[in-house]
Structures are given as structure tokens and as C-alpha cells.
């Protein structure tokens, strides 16, 4: 297994919609992770 935790802190005065791009590694499959809204050739979003 390999993983990464992205901690996002919003200091703005309005809600932010953040798209986090995580690199696609074709040797690994996503598990125990929310489904990405989009999968490109090189990144999950």
C-alpha cells in the first residue's frame, strides 16, 4: 500500500471548491478512497 493525506485549510471568507489532483500510478489501484470526480490519463481529481 501507498497513500497520501492532503490537509486543506481555507483562510478565505467564502467556501472553496478544491480539486485535488493525485498522480495516477497504473501499477496500483485505489482502495478505501472516495471516488474521484474525474480520472485523466495522468491524474485522479
ModelCIF file with pLDDT and N, C-alpha, C, O atoms, coordinates in Angstrom:
data_MODEL
#
_entry.id   MODEL 
#
_entity.id                         1 
_entity.type                       polymer 
_entity.pdbx_number_of_molecules   1 
#
_entity_poly.entity_id                      1 
_entity_poly.type                           'polypeptide(L)' 
_entity_poly.nstd_linkage                   no 
_entity_poly.nstd_monomer                   no 
_entity_poly.pdbx_seq_one_letter_code       
;(UNK)(UNK)(UNK)(UNK)(UNK)(UNK)(UNK)(UNK)(UNK)(UNK)(UNK)(UNK)(UNK)(UNK)(UNK)(UNK)
(UNK)(UNK)(UNK)(UNK)(UNK)(UNK)(UNK)(UNK)(UNK)(UNK)(UNK)(UNK)(UNK)(UNK)(UNK)(UNK)
(UNK)(UNK)(UNK)(UNK)(UNK)(UNK)(UNK)(UNK)(UNK)(UNK)(UNK)(UNK)(UNK)
;
_entity_poly.pdbx_seq_one_letter_code_can   XXXXXXXXXXXXXXXXXXXXXXXXXXXXXXXXXXXXXXXXXXXXX 
_entity_poly.pdbx_strand_id                 A 
#
loop_
_entity_poly_seq.entity_id 
_entity_poly_seq.num 
_entity_poly_seq.mon_id 
_entity_poly_seq.hetero 
1 1  UNK n 
1 2  UNK n 
1 3  UNK n 
1 4  UNK n 
1 5  UNK n 
1 6  UNK n 
1 7  UNK n 
1 8  UNK n 
1 9  UNK n 
1 10 UNK n 
1 11 UNK n 
1 12 UNK n 
1 13 UNK n 
1 14 UNK n 
1 15 UNK n 
1 16 UNK n 
1 17 UNK n 
1 18 UNK n 
1 19 UNK n 
1 20 UNK n 
1 21 UNK n 
1 22 UNK n 
1 23 UNK n 
1 24 UNK n 
1 25 UNK n 
1 26 UNK n 
1 27 UNK n 
1 28 UNK n 
1 29 UNK n 
1 30 UNK n 
1 31 UNK n 
1 32 UNK n 
1 33 UNK n 
1 34 UNK n 
1 35 UNK n 
1 36 UNK n 
1 37 UNK n 
1 38 UNK n 
1 39 UNK n 
1 40 UNK n 
1 41 UNK n 
1 42 UNK n 
1 43 UNK n 
1 44 UNK n 
1 45 UNK n 
#
_struct_asym.id          A 
_struct_asym.entity_id   1 
#
loop_
_ma_qa_metric.id 
_ma_qa_metric.mode 
_ma_qa_metric.name 
_ma_qa_metric.software_group_id 
_ma_qa_metric.type 
1 global pLDDT . pLDDT 
2 local  pLDDT . pLDDT 
#
_ma_qa_metric_global.metric_id      1 
_ma_qa_metric_global.metric_value   93.76 
_ma_qa_metric_global.model_id       1 
_ma_qa_metric_global.ordinal_id     1 
#
loop_
_ma_qa_metric_local.label_asym_id 
_ma_qa_metric_local.label_comp_id 
_ma_qa_metric_local.label_seq_id 
_ma_qa_metric_local.metric_id 
_ma_qa_metric_local.metric_value 
_ma_qa_metric_local.model_id 
_ma_qa_metric_local.ordinal_id 
A UNK 1  2 90.00 1 1  
A UNK 2  2 91.00 1 2  
A UNK 3  2 92.00 1 3  
A UNK 4  2 94.00 1 4  
A UNK 5  2 95.00 1 5  
A UNK 6  2 96.00 1 6  
A UNK 7  2 96.00 1 7  
A UNK 8  2 97.00 1 8  
A UNK 9  2 97.00 1 9  
A UNK 10 2 96.00 1 10 
A UNK 11 2 95.00 1 11 
A UNK 12 2 92.00 1 12 
A UNK 13 2 91.00 1 13 
A UNK 14 2 92.00 1 14 
A UNK 15 2 94.00 1 15 
A UNK 16 2 94.00 1 16 
A UNK 17 2 95.00 1 17 
A UNK 18 2 96.00 1 18 
A UNK 19 2 96.00 1 19 
A UNK 20 2 97.00 1 20 
A UNK 21 2 96.00 1 21 
A UNK 22 2 96.00 1 22 
A UNK 23 2 95.00 1 23 
A UNK 24 2 95.00 1 24 
A UNK 25 2 93.00 1 25 
A UNK 26 2 92.00 1 26 
A UNK 27 2 91.00 1 27 
A UNK 28 2 93.00 1 28 
A UNK 29 2 93.00 1 29 
A UNK 30 2 94.00 1 30 
A UNK 31 2 92.00 1 31 
A UNK 32 2 90.00 1 32 
A UNK 33 2 92.00 1 33 
A UNK 34 2 91.00 1 34 
A UNK 35 2 94.00 1 35 
A UNK 36 2 96.00 1 36 
A UNK 37 2 94.00 1 37 
A UNK 38 2 93.00 1 38 
A UNK 39 2 93.00 1 39 
A UNK 40 2 91.00 1 40 
A UNK 41 2 89.00 1 41 
A UNK 42 2 93.00 1 42 
A UNK 43 2 95.00 1 43 
A UNK 44 2 96.00 1 44 
A UNK 45 2 96.00 1 45 
#
loop_
_atom_site.group_PDB 
_atom_site.id 
_atom_site.type_symbol 
_atom_site.label_atom_id 
_atom_site.label_alt_id 
_atom_site.label_comp_id 
_atom_site.label_asym_id 
_atom_site.label_entity_id 
_atom_site.label_seq_id 
_atom_site.pdbx_PDB_ins_code 
_atom_site.Cartn_x 
_atom_site.Cartn_y 
_atom_site.Cartn_z 
_atom_site.occupancy 
_atom_site.B_iso_or_equiv 
_atom_site.pdbx_formal_charge 
_atom_site.auth_seq_id 
_atom_site.auth_comp_id 
_atom_site.auth_asym_id 
_atom_site.auth_atom_id 
_atom_site.pdbx_PDB_model_num 
ATOM 1   N N  . UNK A 1 1  ? 0.831   -1.198 0.000   1.00 90.00 ? 1  UNK A N  1 
ATOM 2   C CA . UNK A 1 1  ? 0.000   0.000  0.000   1.00 90.00 ? 1  UNK A CA 1 
ATOM 3   C C  . UNK A 1 1  ? 0.869   1.252  0.000   1.00 90.00 ? 1  UNK A C  1 
ATOM 4   O O  . UNK A 1 1  ? 1.976   1.270  0.539   1.00 90.00 ? 1  UNK A O  1 
ATOM 5   N N  . UNK A 1 2  ? 0.337   2.287  -0.615  1.00 91.00 ? 2  UNK A N  1 
ATOM 6   C CA . UNK A 1 2  ? 0.931   3.605  -0.514  1.00 91.00 ? 2  UNK A CA 1 
ATOM 7   C C  . UNK A 1 2  ? -0.208  4.611  -0.466  1.00 91.00 ? 2  UNK A C  1 
ATOM 8   O O  . UNK A 1 2  ? -1.281  4.375  -1.020  1.00 91.00 ? 2  UNK A O  1 
ATOM 9   N N  . UNK A 1 3  ? 0.028   5.704  0.184   1.00 92.00 ? 3  UNK A N  1 
ATOM 10  C CA . UNK A 1 3  ? -1.051  6.673  0.319   1.00 92.00 ? 3  UNK A CA 1 
ATOM 11  C C  . UNK A 1 3  ? -0.533  8.060  0.601   1.00 92.00 ? 3  UNK A C  1 
ATOM 12  O O  . UNK A 1 3  ? 0.656   8.268  0.840   1.00 92.00 ? 3  UNK A O  1 
ATOM 13  N N  . UNK A 1 4  ? -1.446  8.998  0.568   1.00 94.00 ? 4  UNK A N  1 
ATOM 14  C CA . UNK A 1 4  ? -1.107  10.386 0.876   1.00 94.00 ? 4  UNK A CA 1 
ATOM 15  C C  . UNK A 1 4  ? -2.338  11.062 1.451   1.00 94.00 ? 4  UNK A C  1 
ATOM 16  O O  . UNK A 1 4  ? -3.455  10.867 0.972   1.00 94.00 ? 4  UNK A O  1 
ATOM 17  N N  . UNK A 1 5  ? -2.115  11.858 2.484   1.00 95.00 ? 5  UNK A N  1 
ATOM 18  C CA . UNK A 1 5  ? -3.193  12.630 3.092   1.00 95.00 ? 5  UNK A CA 1 
ATOM 19  C C  . UNK A 1 5  ? -2.979  14.100 2.770   1.00 95.00 ? 5  UNK A C  1 
ATOM 20  O O  . UNK A 1 5  ? -1.932  14.671 3.074   1.00 95.00 ? 5  UNK A O  1 
ATOM 21  N N  . UNK A 1 6  ? -3.987  14.703 2.152   1.00 96.00 ? 6  UNK A N  1 
ATOM 22  C CA . UNK A 1 6  ? -3.959  16.125 1.823   1.00 96.00 ? 6  UNK A CA 1 
ATOM 23  C C  . UNK A 1 6  ? -4.827  16.864 2.845   1.00 96.00 ? 6  UNK A C  1 
ATOM 24  O O  . UNK A 1 6  ? -6.036  16.645 2.915   1.00 96.00 ? 6  UNK A O  1 
ATOM 25  N N  . UNK A 1 7  ? -4.211  17.725 3.622   1.00 96.00 ? 7  UNK A N  1 
ATOM 26  C CA . UNK A 1 7  ? -4.940  18.527 4.596   1.00 96.00 ? 7  UNK A CA 1 
ATOM 27  C C  . UNK A 1 7  ? -5.117  19.933 4.030   1.00 96.00 ? 7  UNK A C  1 
ATOM 28  O O  . UNK A 1 7  ? -4.140  20.627 3.751   1.00 96.00 ? 7  UNK A O  1 
ATOM 29  N N  . UNK A 1 8  ? -6.378  20.347 3.863   1.00 97.00 ? 8  UNK A N  1 
ATOM 30  C CA . UNK A 1 8  ? -6.694  21.630 3.238   1.00 97.00 ? 8  UNK A CA 1 
ATOM 31  C C  . UNK A 1 8  ? -7.239  22.594 4.288   1.00 97.00 ? 8  UNK A C  1 
ATOM 32  O O  . UNK A 1 8  ? -8.178  22.269 5.014   1.00 97.00 ? 8  UNK A O  1 
ATOM 33  N N  . UNK A 1 9  ? -6.648  23.771 4.359   1.00 97.00 ? 9  UNK A N  1 
ATOM 34  C CA . UNK A 1 9  ? -7.087  24.807 5.295   1.00 97.00 ? 9  UNK A CA 1 
ATOM 35  C C  . UNK A 1 9  ? -7.538  26.024 4.503   1.00 97.00 ? 9  UNK A C  1 
ATOM 36  O O  . UNK A 1 9  ? -6.767  26.598 3.734   1.00 97.00 ? 9  UNK A O  1 
ATOM 37  N N  . UNK A 1 10 ? -8.806  26.417 4.697   1.00 96.00 ? 10 UNK A N  1 
ATOM 38  C CA . UNK A 1 10 ? -9.380  27.530 3.955   1.00 96.00 ? 10 UNK A CA 1 
ATOM 39  C C  . UNK A 1 10 ? -9.388  28.778 4.836   1.00 96.00 ? 10 UNK A C  1 
ATOM 40  O O  . UNK A 1 10 ? -10.156 28.860 5.795   1.00 96.00 ? 10 UNK A O  1 
ATOM 41  N N  . UNK A 1 11 ? -8.529  29.755 4.508   1.00 95.00 ? 11 UNK A N  1 
ATOM 42  C CA . UNK A 1 11 ? -8.478  31.010 5.257   1.00 95.00 ? 11 UNK A CA 1 
ATOM 43  C C  . UNK A 1 11 ? -9.282  32.115 4.567   1.00 95.00 ? 11 UNK A C  1 
ATOM 44  O O  . UNK A 1 11 ? -9.269  33.261 5.015   1.00 95.00 ? 11 UNK A O  1 
ATOM 45  N N  . UNK A 1 12 ? -9.973  31.779 3.493   1.00 92.00 ? 12 UNK A N  1 
ATOM 46  C CA . UNK A 1 12 ? -10.788 32.768 2.786   1.00 92.00 ? 12 UNK A CA 1 
ATOM 47  C C  . UNK A 1 12 ? -12.093 33.017 3.533   1.00 92.00 ? 12 UNK A C  1 
ATOM 48  O O  . UNK A 1 12 ? -12.417 32.321 4.496   1.00 92.00 ? 12 UNK A O  1 
ATOM 49  N N  . UNK A 1 13 ? -12.829 34.011 3.079   1.00 91.00 ? 13 UNK A N  1 
ATOM 50  C CA . UNK A 1 13 ? -14.126 34.332 3.709   1.00 91.00 ? 13 UNK A CA 1 
ATOM 51  C C  . UNK A 1 13 ? -15.291 33.682 2.978   1.00 91.00 ? 13 UNK A C  1 
ATOM 52  O O  . UNK A 1 13 ? -16.450 34.024 3.217   1.00 91.00 ? 13 UNK A O  1 
ATOM 53  N N  . UNK A 1 14 ? -14.985 32.748 2.090   1.00 92.00 ? 14 UNK A N  1 
ATOM 54  C CA . UNK A 1 14 ? -16.042 32.040 1.362   1.00 92.00 ? 14 UNK A CA 1 
ATOM 55  C C  . UNK A 1 14 ? -15.626 30.588 1.185   1.00 92.00 ? 14 UNK A C  1 
ATOM 56  O O  . UNK A 1 14 ? -14.445 30.252 1.263   1.00 92.00 ? 14 UNK A O  1 
ATOM 57  N N  . UNK A 1 15 ? -16.609 29.738 0.948   1.00 94.00 ? 15 UNK A N  1 
ATOM 58  C CA . UNK A 1 15 ? -16.322 28.314 0.724   1.00 94.00 ? 15 UNK A CA 1 
ATOM 59  C C  . UNK A 1 15 ? -15.497 28.140 -0.547  1.00 94.00 ? 15 UNK A C  1 
ATOM 60  O O  . UNK A 1 15 ? -15.731 28.787 -1.567  1.00 94.00 ? 15 UNK A O  1 
ATOM 61  N N  . UNK A 1 16 ? -14.524 27.240 -0.444  1.00 94.00 ? 16 UNK A N  1 
ATOM 62  C CA . UNK A 1 16 ? -13.702 26.934 -1.603  1.00 94.00 ? 16 UNK A CA 1 
ATOM 63  C C  . UNK A 1 16 ? -14.010 25.508 -2.081  1.00 94.00 ? 16 UNK A C  1 
ATOM 64  O O  . UNK A 1 16 ? -14.064 24.570 -1.286  1.00 94.00 ? 16 UNK A O  1 
ATOM 65  N N  . UNK A 1 17 ? -14.209 25.370 -3.388  1.00 95.00 ? 17 UNK A N  1 
ATOM 66  C CA . UNK A 1 17 ? -14.299 24.045 -4.000  1.00 95.00 ? 17 UNK A CA 1 
ATOM 67  C C  . UNK A 1 17 ? -12.923 23.720 -4.550  1.00 95.00 ? 17 UNK A C  1 
ATOM 68  O O  . UNK A 1 17 ? -12.454 24.372 -5.483  1.00 95.00 ? 17 UNK A O  1 
ATOM 69  N N  . UNK A 1 18 ? -12.274 22.716 -3.978  1.00 96.00 ? 18 UNK A N  1 
ATOM 70  C CA . UNK A 1 18 ? -10.896 22.401 -4.331  1.00 96.00 ? 18 UNK A CA 1 
ATOM 71  C C  . UNK A 1 18 ? -10.852 21.079 -5.090  1.00 96.00 ? 18 UNK A C  1 
ATOM 72  O O  . UNK A 1 18 ? -11.395 20.070 -4.639  1.00 96.00 ? 18 UNK A O  1 
ATOM 73  N N  . UNK A 1 19 ? -10.206 21.100 -6.231  1.00 96.00 ? 19 UNK A N  1 
ATOM 74  C CA . UNK A 1 19 ? -9.926  19.879 -6.978  1.00 96.00 ? 19 UNK A CA 1 
ATOM 75  C C  . UNK A 1 19 ? -8.498  19.452 -6.661  1.00 96.00 ? 19 UNK A C  1 
ATOM 76  O O  . UNK A 1 19 ? -7.542  20.144 -7.013  1.00 96.00 ? 19 UNK A O  1 
ATOM 77  N N  . UNK A 1 20 ? -8.363  18.315 -5.999  1.00 97.00 ? 20 UNK A N  1 
ATOM 78  C CA . UNK A 1 20 ? -7.040  17.785 -5.671  1.00 97.00 ? 20 UNK A CA 1 
ATOM 79  C C  . UNK A 1 20 ? -6.630  16.797 -6.755  1.00 97.00 ? 20 UNK A C  1 
ATOM 80  O O  . UNK A 1 20 ? -7.316  15.802 -6.987  1.00 97.00 ? 20 UNK A O  1 
ATOM 81  N N  . UNK A 1 21 ? -5.512  17.076 -7.417  1.00 96.00 ? 21 UNK A N  1 
ATOM 82  C CA . UNK A 1 21 ? -5.008  16.190 -8.468  1.00 96.00 ? 21 UNK A CA 1 
ATOM 83  C C  . UNK A 1 21 ? -3.949  15.275 -7.868  1.00 96.00 ? 21 UNK A C  1 
ATOM 84  O O  . UNK A 1 21 ? -2.918  15.726 -7.369  1.00 96.00 ? 21 UNK A O  1 
ATOM 85  N N  . UNK A 1 22 ? -4.234  13.974 -7.929  1.00 96.00 ? 22 UNK A N  1 
ATOM 86  C CA . UNK A 1 22 ? -3.320  12.968 -7.392  1.00 96.00 ? 22 UNK A CA 1 
ATOM 87  C C  . UNK A 1 22 ? -2.786  12.140 -8.562  1.00 96.00 ? 22 UNK A C  1 
ATOM 88  O O  . UNK A 1 22 ? -3.571  11.706 -9.406  1.00 96.00 ? 22 UNK A O  1 
ATOM 89  N N  . UNK A 1 23 ? -1.465  11.908 -8.636  1.00 95.00 ? 23 UNK A N  1 
ATOM 90  C CA . UNK A 1 23 ? -0.913  11.191 -9.798  1.00 95.00 ? 23 UNK A CA 1 
ATOM 91  C C  . UNK A 1 23 ? -1.481  9.781  -9.940  1.00 95.00 ? 23 UNK A C  1 
ATOM 92  O O  . UNK A 1 23 ? -1.681  9.072  -8.953  1.00 95.00 ? 23 UNK A O  1 
ATOM 93  N N  . UNK A 1 24 ? -1.732  9.397  -11.169 1.00 95.00 ? 24 UNK A N  1 
ATOM 94  C CA . UNK A 1 24 ? -2.170  8.027  -11.468 1.00 95.00 ? 24 UNK A CA 1 
ATOM 95  C C  . UNK A 1 24 ? -0.941  7.130  -11.560 1.00 95.00 ? 24 UNK A C  1 
ATOM 96  O O  . UNK A 1 24 ? -0.002  7.419  -12.301 1.00 95.00 ? 24 UNK A O  1 
ATOM 97  N N  . UNK A 1 25 ? -0.958  6.044  -10.803 1.00 93.00 ? 25 UNK A N  1 
ATOM 98  C CA . UNK A 1 25 ? 0.076   5.014  -10.896 1.00 93.00 ? 25 UNK A CA 1 
ATOM 99  C C  . UNK A 1 25 ? -0.616  3.740  -11.348 1.00 93.00 ? 25 UNK A C  1 
ATOM 100 O O  . UNK A 1 25 ? -1.348  3.117  -10.580 1.00 93.00 ? 25 UNK A O  1 
ATOM 101 N N  . UNK A 1 26 ? -0.385  3.356  -12.593 1.00 92.00 ? 26 UNK A N  1 
ATOM 102 C CA . UNK A 1 26 ? -1.128  2.228  -13.165 1.00 92.00 ? 26 UNK A CA 1 
ATOM 103 C C  . UNK A 1 26 ? -0.813  0.900  -12.497 1.00 92.00 ? 26 UNK A C  1 
ATOM 104 O O  . UNK A 1 26 ? -1.552  -0.068 -12.675 1.00 92.00 ? 26 UNK A O  1 
ATOM 105 N N  . UNK A 1 27 ? 0.277   0.834  -11.726 1.00 91.00 ? 27 UNK A N  1 
ATOM 106 C CA . UNK A 1 27 ? 0.605   -0.403 -11.019 1.00 91.00 ? 27 UNK A CA 1 
ATOM 107 C C  . UNK A 1 27 ? -0.251  -0.567 -9.765  1.00 91.00 ? 27 UNK A C  1 
ATOM 108 O O  . UNK A 1 27 ? -0.343  -1.667 -9.220  1.00 91.00 ? 27 UNK A O  1 
ATOM 109 N N  . UNK A 1 28 ? -0.882  0.520  -9.301  1.00 93.00 ? 28 UNK A N  1 
ATOM 110 C CA . UNK A 1 28 ? -1.682  0.497  -8.080  1.00 93.00 ? 28 UNK A CA 1 
ATOM 111 C C  . UNK A 1 28 ? -3.144  0.791  -8.416  1.00 93.00 ? 28 UNK A C  1 
ATOM 112 O O  . UNK A 1 28 ? -3.453  1.407  -9.435  1.00 93.00 ? 28 UNK A O  1 
ATOM 113 N N  . UNK A 1 29 ? -4.034  0.333  -7.532  1.00 93.00 ? 29 UNK A N  1 
ATOM 114 C CA . UNK A 1 29 ? -5.466  0.615  -7.660  1.00 93.00 ? 29 UNK A CA 1 
ATOM 115 C C  . UNK A 1 29 ? -5.933  1.337  -6.404  1.00 93.00 ? 29 UNK A C  1 
ATOM 116 O O  . UNK A 1 29 ? -5.425  1.092  -5.310  1.00 93.00 ? 29 UNK A O  1 
ATOM 117 N N  . UNK A 1 30 ? -6.906  2.229  -6.569  1.00 94.00 ? 30 UNK A N  1 
ATOM 118 C CA . UNK A 1 30 ? -7.443  2.966  -5.434  1.00 94.00 ? 30 UNK A CA 1 
ATOM 119 C C  . UNK A 1 30 ? -8.277  2.043  -4.549  1.00 94.00 ? 30 UNK A C  1 
ATOM 120 O O  . UNK A 1 30 ? -9.088  1.261  -5.044  1.00 94.00 ? 30 UNK A O  1 
ATOM 121 N N  . UNK A 1 31 ? -8.068  2.143  -3.234  1.00 92.00 ? 31 UNK A N  1 
ATOM 122 C CA . UNK A 1 31 ? -8.897  1.401  -2.276  1.00 92.00 ? 31 UNK A CA 1 
ATOM 123 C C  . UNK A 1 31 ? -9.197  2.329  -1.100  1.00 92.00 ? 31 UNK A C  1 
ATOM 124 O O  . UNK A 1 31 ? -8.427  3.240  -0.795  1.00 92.00 ? 31 UNK A O  1 
ATOM 125 N N  . UNK A 1 32 ? -10.317 2.079  -0.457  1.00 90.00 ? 32 UNK A N  1 
ATOM 126 C CA . UNK A 1 32 ? -10.693 2.830  0.746   1.00 90.00 ? 32 UNK A CA 1 
ATOM 127 C C  . UNK A 1 32 ? -10.569 4.333  0.525   1.00 90.00 ? 32 UNK A C  1 
ATOM 128 O O  . UNK A 1 32 ? -10.168 5.072  1.425   1.00 90.00 ? 32 UNK A O  1 
ATOM 129 N N  . UNK A 1 33 ? -10.916 4.777  -0.679  1.00 92.00 ? 33 UNK A N  1 
ATOM 130 C CA . UNK A 1 33 ? -10.788 6.180  -1.055  1.00 92.00 ? 33 UNK A CA 1 
ATOM 131 C C  . UNK A 1 33 ? -12.062 6.618  -1.768  1.00 92.00 ? 33 UNK A C  1 
ATOM 132 O O  . UNK A 1 33 ? -12.651 5.860  -2.538  1.00 92.00 ? 33 UNK A O  1 
ATOM 133 N N  . UNK A 1 34 ? -12.480 7.859  -1.497  1.00 91.00 ? 34 UNK A N  1 
ATOM 134 C CA . UNK A 1 34 ? -13.648 8.389  -2.197  1.00 91.00 ? 34 UNK A CA 1 
ATOM 135 C C  . UNK A 1 34 ? -13.418 8.366  -3.703  1.00 91.00 ? 34 UNK A C  1 
ATOM 136 O O  . UNK A 1 34 ? -12.299 8.573  -4.172  1.00 91.00 ? 34 UNK A O  1 
ATOM 137 N N  . UNK A 1 35 ? -14.476 8.115  -4.449  1.00 94.00 ? 35 UNK A N  1 
ATOM 138 C CA . UNK A 1 35 ? -14.354 8.036  -5.901  1.00 94.00 ? 35 UNK A CA 1 
ATOM 139 C C  . UNK A 1 35 ? -13.993 9.407  -6.467  1.00 94.00 ? 35 UNK A C  1 
ATOM 140 O O  . UNK A 1 35 ? -14.626 10.402 -6.117  1.00 94.00 ? 35 UNK A O  1 
ATOM 141 N N  . UNK A 1 36 ? -12.994 9.471  -7.328  1.00 96.00 ? 36 UNK A N  1 
ATOM 142 C CA . UNK A 1 36 ? -12.646 10.765 -7.932  1.00 96.00 ? 36 UNK A CA 1 
ATOM 143 C C  . UNK A 1 36 ? -13.761 11.263 -8.840  1.00 96.00 ? 36 UNK A C  1 
ATOM 144 O O  . UNK A 1 36 ? -14.466 10.465 -9.458  1.00 96.00 ? 36 UNK A O  1 
ATOM 145 N N  . UNK A 1 37 ? -13.922 12.583 -8.923  1.00 94.00 ? 37 UNK A N  1 
ATOM 146 C CA . UNK A 1 37 ? -14.945 13.142 -9.798  1.00 94.00 ? 37 UNK A CA 1 
ATOM 147 C C  . UNK A 1 37 ? -14.516 13.024 -11.254 1.00 94.00 ? 37 UNK A C  1 
ATOM 148 O O  . UNK A 1 37 ? -15.342 13.098 -12.164 1.00 94.00 ? 37 UNK A O  1 
ATOM 149 N N  . UNK A 1 38 ? -13.202 12.839 -11.464 1.00 93.00 ? 38 UNK A N  1 
ATOM 150 C CA . UNK A 1 38 ? -12.700 12.727 -12.829 1.00 93.00 ? 38 UNK A CA 1 
ATOM 151 C C  . UNK A 1 38 ? -11.371 11.990 -12.806 1.00 93.00 ? 38 UNK A C  1 
ATOM 152 O O  . UNK A 1 38 ? -10.574 12.156 -11.883 1.00 93.00 ? 38 UNK A O  1 
ATOM 153 N N  . UNK A 1 39 ? -11.139 11.177 -13.826 1.00 93.00 ? 39 UNK A N  1 
ATOM 154 C CA . UNK A 1 39 ? -9.861  10.489 -13.979 1.00 93.00 ? 39 UNK A CA 1 
ATOM 155 C C  . UNK A 1 39 ? -9.292  10.832 -15.337 1.00 93.00 ? 39 UNK A C  1 
ATOM 156 O O  . UNK A 1 39 ? -9.864  10.481 -16.369 1.00 93.00 ? 39 UNK A O  1 
ATOM 157 N N  . UNK A 1 40 ? -8.155  11.525 -15.332 1.00 91.00 ? 40 UNK A N  1 
ATOM 158 C CA . UNK A 1 40 ? -7.453  11.852 -16.567 1.00 91.00 ? 40 UNK A CA 1 
ATOM 159 C C  . UNK A 1 40 ? -6.388  10.795 -16.818 1.00 91.00 ? 40 UNK A C  1 
ATOM 160 O O  . UNK A 1 40 ? -6.264  9.835  -16.057 1.00 91.00 ? 40 UNK A O  1 
ATOM 161 N N  . UNK A 1 41 ? -5.624  10.973 -17.882 1.00 89.00 ? 41 UNK A N  1 
ATOM 162 C CA . UNK A 1 41 ? -4.604  9.978  -18.207 1.00 89.00 ? 41 UNK A CA 1 
ATOM 163 C C  . UNK A 1 41 ? -3.483  9.945  -17.182 1.00 89.00 ? 41 UNK A C  1 
ATOM 164 O O  . UNK A 1 41 ? -2.833  8.916  -17.002 1.00 89.00 ? 41 UNK A O  1 
ATOM 165 N N  . UNK A 1 42 ? -3.251  11.082 -16.503 1.00 93.00 ? 42 UNK A N  1 
ATOM 166 C CA . UNK A 1 42 ? -2.120  11.145 -15.581 1.00 93.00 ? 42 UNK A CA 1 
ATOM 167 C C  . UNK A 1 42 ? -2.493  11.485 -14.148 1.00 93.00 ? 42 UNK A C  1 
ATOM 168 O O  . UNK A 1 42 ? -1.656  11.357 -13.255 1.00 93.00 ? 42 UNK A O  1 
ATOM 169 N N  . UNK A 1 43 ? -3.742  11.920 -13.899 1.00 95.00 ? 43 UNK A N  1 
ATOM 170 C CA . UNK A 1 43 ? -4.138  12.294 -12.538 1.00 95.00 ? 43 UNK A CA 1 
ATOM 171 C C  . UNK A 1 43 ? -5.568  11.854 -12.241 1.00 95.00 ? 43 UNK A C  1 
ATOM 172 O O  . UNK A 1 43 ? -6.420  11.775 -13.126 1.00 95.00 ? 43 UNK A O  1 
ATOM 173 N N  . UNK A 1 44 ? -5.800  11.567 -10.937 1.00 96.00 ? 44 UNK A N  1 
ATOM 174 C CA . UNK A 1 44 ? -7.160  11.491 -10.408 1.00 96.00 ? 44 UNK A CA 1 
ATOM 175 C C  . UNK A 1 44 ? -7.511  12.887 -9.898  1.00 96.00 ? 44 UNK A C  1 
ATOM 176 O O  . UNK A 1 44 ? -6.647  13.597 -9.386  1.00 96.00 ? 44 UNK A O  1 
ATOM 177 N N  . UNK A 1 45 ? -8.777  13.280 -10.037 1.00 96.00 ? 45 UNK A N  1 
ATOM 178 C CA . UNK A 1 45 ? -9.220  14.557 -9.485  1.00 96.00 ? 45 UNK A CA 1 
ATOM 179 C C  . UNK A 1 45 ? -10.303 14.299 -8.448  1.00 96.00 ? 45 UNK A C  1 
ATOM 180 O O  . UNK A 1 45 ? -10.823 15.242 -7.851  1.00 96.00 ? 45 UNK A O  1 
#
